[in-house]
Each structure stands twice: as structure tokens, then as C-alpha cells.
Amino acid sequence: MPSLRENRSPFRRPTNVSLDAKLVEEAKELGINVSRASEEGVAREVKAERERRFREENREAFEDWNKYVEENGLPLERFRHF
């Protein structure tokens, strides 16, 4: 799976954000690129929210499928060798 940095578009948009001053100072002392760390954090949050929404939007279908499998077993189960 590619890292978040590899998935970035080549276009970068300057953005202002407010961060805890002590946290920013500590990040600088540790050599952490605050812009990159912020971008990766936002990317993780966007991914997590998209996944949450997908699960919620498809919850009924997942429940229906699980009910079907409970009642009928897995389709093609007879072909499983494990």
C-alpha cells in the first residue's frame, strides 16, 4: 500500500492552520516537518471519515448479506478446500 505522501497530488495549496504553540515548538525541536505531518494527519482523517460513511451508507446491505449467509451459508462453499 502506498504511503500517504505517495498519494499526494503535485499541486499544493498554501493553507493557514492554528496549532498549539508548544506542540509546534516541540515538533521543530524534533525535526518534524509540521506541514507534512499536518497533511498526513488530515489525509488519515479524510480516509477514516470516508470509510465510516461508506459503512454507514451500506450498513443495511451488510446486514442483509450477513443474514443471508446465516440462513443459507456461503455461496460456493462446497468448493472451499480450507
C-alpha atoms as a PDB file:
ATOM      1  CA  MET A   1       0.000   0.000   0.000  1.00  0.00           C
ATOM      2  CA  PRO A   2       1.487   3.364  -0.977  1.00  0.00           C
ATOM      3  CA  SER A   3       2.201   5.823   1.793  1.00  0.00           C
ATOM      4  CA  LEU A   4       0.124   8.958   2.174  1.00  0.00           C
ATOM      5  CA  ARG A   5       2.979  11.010   0.716  1.00  0.00           C
ATOM      6  CA  GLU A   6       2.970   8.957  -2.473  1.00  0.00           C
ATOM      7  CA  ASN A   7      -0.759   9.637  -2.955  1.00  0.00           C
ATOM      8  CA  ARG A   8      -0.443  13.426  -2.876  1.00  0.00           C
ATOM      9  CA  SER A   9      -1.326  15.420  -5.929  1.00  0.00           C
ATOM     10  CA  PRO A  10       1.503  17.515  -7.391  1.00  0.00           C
ATOM     11  CA  PHE A  11      -0.447  20.718  -6.698  1.00  0.00           C
ATOM     12  CA  ARG A  12      -0.081  22.043  -3.170  1.00  0.00           C
ATOM     13  CA  ARG A  13      -2.314  24.718  -1.717  1.00  0.00           C
ATOM     14  CA  PRO A  14      -0.985  27.086   0.946  1.00  0.00           C
ATOM     15  CA  THR A  15      -3.280  26.926   3.976  1.00  0.00           C
ATOM     16  CA  ASN A  16      -3.345  28.630   7.341  1.00  0.00           C
ATOM     17  CA  VAL A  17      -3.995  26.457  10.377  1.00  0.00           C
ATOM     18  CA  SER A  18      -3.897  27.185  14.087  1.00  0.00           C
ATOM     19  CA  LEU A  19      -1.876  24.730  16.146  1.00  0.00           C
ATOM     20  CA  ASP A  20      -0.873  24.577  19.785  1.00  0.00           C
ATOM     21  CA  ALA A  21       2.286  26.693  20.080  1.00  0.00           C
ATOM     22  CA  LYS A  22       4.059  24.243  22.418  1.00  0.00           C
ATOM     23  CA  LEU A  23       3.309  21.363  20.091  1.00  0.00           C
ATOM     24  CA  VAL A  24       4.724  23.239  17.097  1.00  0.00           C
ATOM     25  CA  GLU A  25       7.859  24.169  19.039  1.00  0.00           C
ATOM     26  CA  GLU A  26       8.399  20.579  20.150  1.00  0.00           C
ATOM     27  CA  ALA A  27       7.882  19.337  16.587  1.00  0.00           C
ATOM     28  CA  LYS A  28      10.506  21.786  15.327  1.00  0.00           C
ATOM     29  CA  GLU A  29      12.946  20.718  18.057  1.00  0.00           C
ATOM     30  CA  LEU A  30      12.470  17.115  16.950  1.00  0.00           C
ATOM     31  CA  GLY A  31      12.966  17.964  13.279  1.00  0.00           C
ATOM     32  CA  ILE A  32       9.392  17.180  12.316  1.00  0.00           C
ATOM     33  CA  ASN A  33       8.088  18.927   9.213  1.00  0.00           C
ATOM     34  CA  VAL A  34       4.863  20.418  10.590  1.00  0.00           C
ATOM     35  CA  SER A  35       3.334  20.959   7.150  1.00  0.00           C
ATOM     36  CA  ARG A  36       3.924  17.349   6.095  1.00  0.00           C
ATOM     37  CA  ALA A  37       2.768  15.971   9.446  1.00  0.00           C
ATOM     38  CA  SER A  38      -0.378  18.098   9.260  1.00  0.00           C
ATOM     39  CA  GLU A  39      -1.072  16.953   5.706  1.00  0.00           C
ATOM     40  CA  GLU A  40      -0.649  13.304   6.644  1.00  0.00           C
ATOM     41  CA  GLY A  41      -2.907  13.762   9.665  1.00  0.00           C
ATOM     42  CA  VAL A  42      -5.634  15.366   7.545  1.00  0.00           C
ATOM     43  CA  ALA A  43      -5.259  12.610   4.943  1.00  0.00           C
ATOM     44  CA  ARG A  44      -5.732   9.942   7.648  1.00  0.00           C
ATOM     45  CA  GLU A  45      -8.820  11.724   8.983  1.00  0.00           C
ATOM     46  CA  VAL A  46     -10.322  12.067   5.486  1.00  0.00           C
ATOM     47  CA  LYS A  47      -9.736   8.354   4.842  1.00  0.00           C
ATOM     48  CA  ALA A  48     -11.266   7.371   8.184  1.00  0.00           C
ATOM     49  CA  GLU A  49     -14.331   9.553   7.605  1.00  0.00           C
ATOM     50  CA  ARG A  50     -14.850   8.184   4.096  1.00  0.00           C
ATOM     51  CA  GLU A  51     -14.663   4.636   5.469  1.00  0.00           C
ATOM     52  CA  ARG A  52     -17.107   5.482   8.274  1.00  0.00           C
ATOM     53  CA  ARG A  53     -19.567   6.998   5.817  1.00  0.00           C
ATOM     54  CA  PHE A  54     -19.240   4.024   3.460  1.00  0.00           C
ATOM     55  CA  ARG A  55     -20.006   1.619   6.300  1.00  0.00           C
ATOM     56  CA  GLU A  56     -22.987   3.705   7.398  1.00  0.00           C
ATOM     57  CA  GLU A  57     -24.348   4.165   3.858  1.00  0.00           C
ATOM     58  CA  ASN A  58     -24.045   0.421   3.217  1.00  0.00           C
ATOM     59  CA  ARG A  59     -24.999  -0.819   6.688  1.00  0.00           C
ATOM     60  CA  GLU A  60     -28.324  -2.239   5.531  1.00  0.00           C
ATOM     61  CA  ALA A  61     -26.713  -4.162   2.664  1.00  0.00           C
ATOM     62  CA  PHE A  62     -24.077  -5.599   5.027  1.00  0.00           C
ATOM     63  CA  GLU A  63     -26.788  -6.653   7.474  1.00  0.00           C
ATOM     64  CA  ASP A  64     -28.848  -8.250   4.687  1.00  0.00           C
ATOM     65  CA  TRP A  65     -25.821 -10.150   3.396  1.00  0.00           C
ATOM     66  CA  ASN A  66     -24.903 -11.378   6.878  1.00  0.00           C
ATOM     67  CA  LYS A  67     -28.492 -12.560   7.400  1.00  0.00           C
ATOM     68  CA  TYR A  68     -28.419 -14.379   4.055  1.00  0.00           C
ATOM     69  CA  VAL A  69     -25.171 -16.144   4.954  1.00  0.00           C
ATOM     70  CA  GLU A  70     -26.514 -17.132   8.383  1.00  0.00           C
ATOM     71  CA  GLU A  71     -29.610 -18.629   6.784  1.00  0.00           C
ATOM     72  CA  ASN A  72     -28.086 -20.137   3.630  1.00  0.00           C
ATOM     73  CA  GLY A  73     -24.352 -20.432   4.189  1.00  0.00           C
ATOM     74  CA  LEU A  74     -21.732 -19.059   1.845  1.00  0.00           C
ATOM     75  CA  PRO A  75     -22.406 -19.343  -1.874  1.00  0.00           C
ATOM     76  CA  LEU A  76     -19.949 -21.753  -3.482  1.00  0.00           C
ATOM     77  CA  GLU A  77     -18.928 -23.013  -0.032  1.00  0.00           C
ATOM     78  CA  ARG A  78     -18.769 -26.547  -1.374  1.00  0.00           C
ATOM     79  CA  PHE A  79     -15.743 -25.522  -3.469  1.00  0.00           C
ATOM     80  CA  ARG A  80     -13.691 -24.333  -0.468  1.00  0.00           C
ATOM     81  CA  HIS A  81     -10.715 -26.546   0.346  1.00  0.00           C
ATOM     82  CA  PHE A  82      -9.811 -24.919   3.665  1.00  0.00           C
END
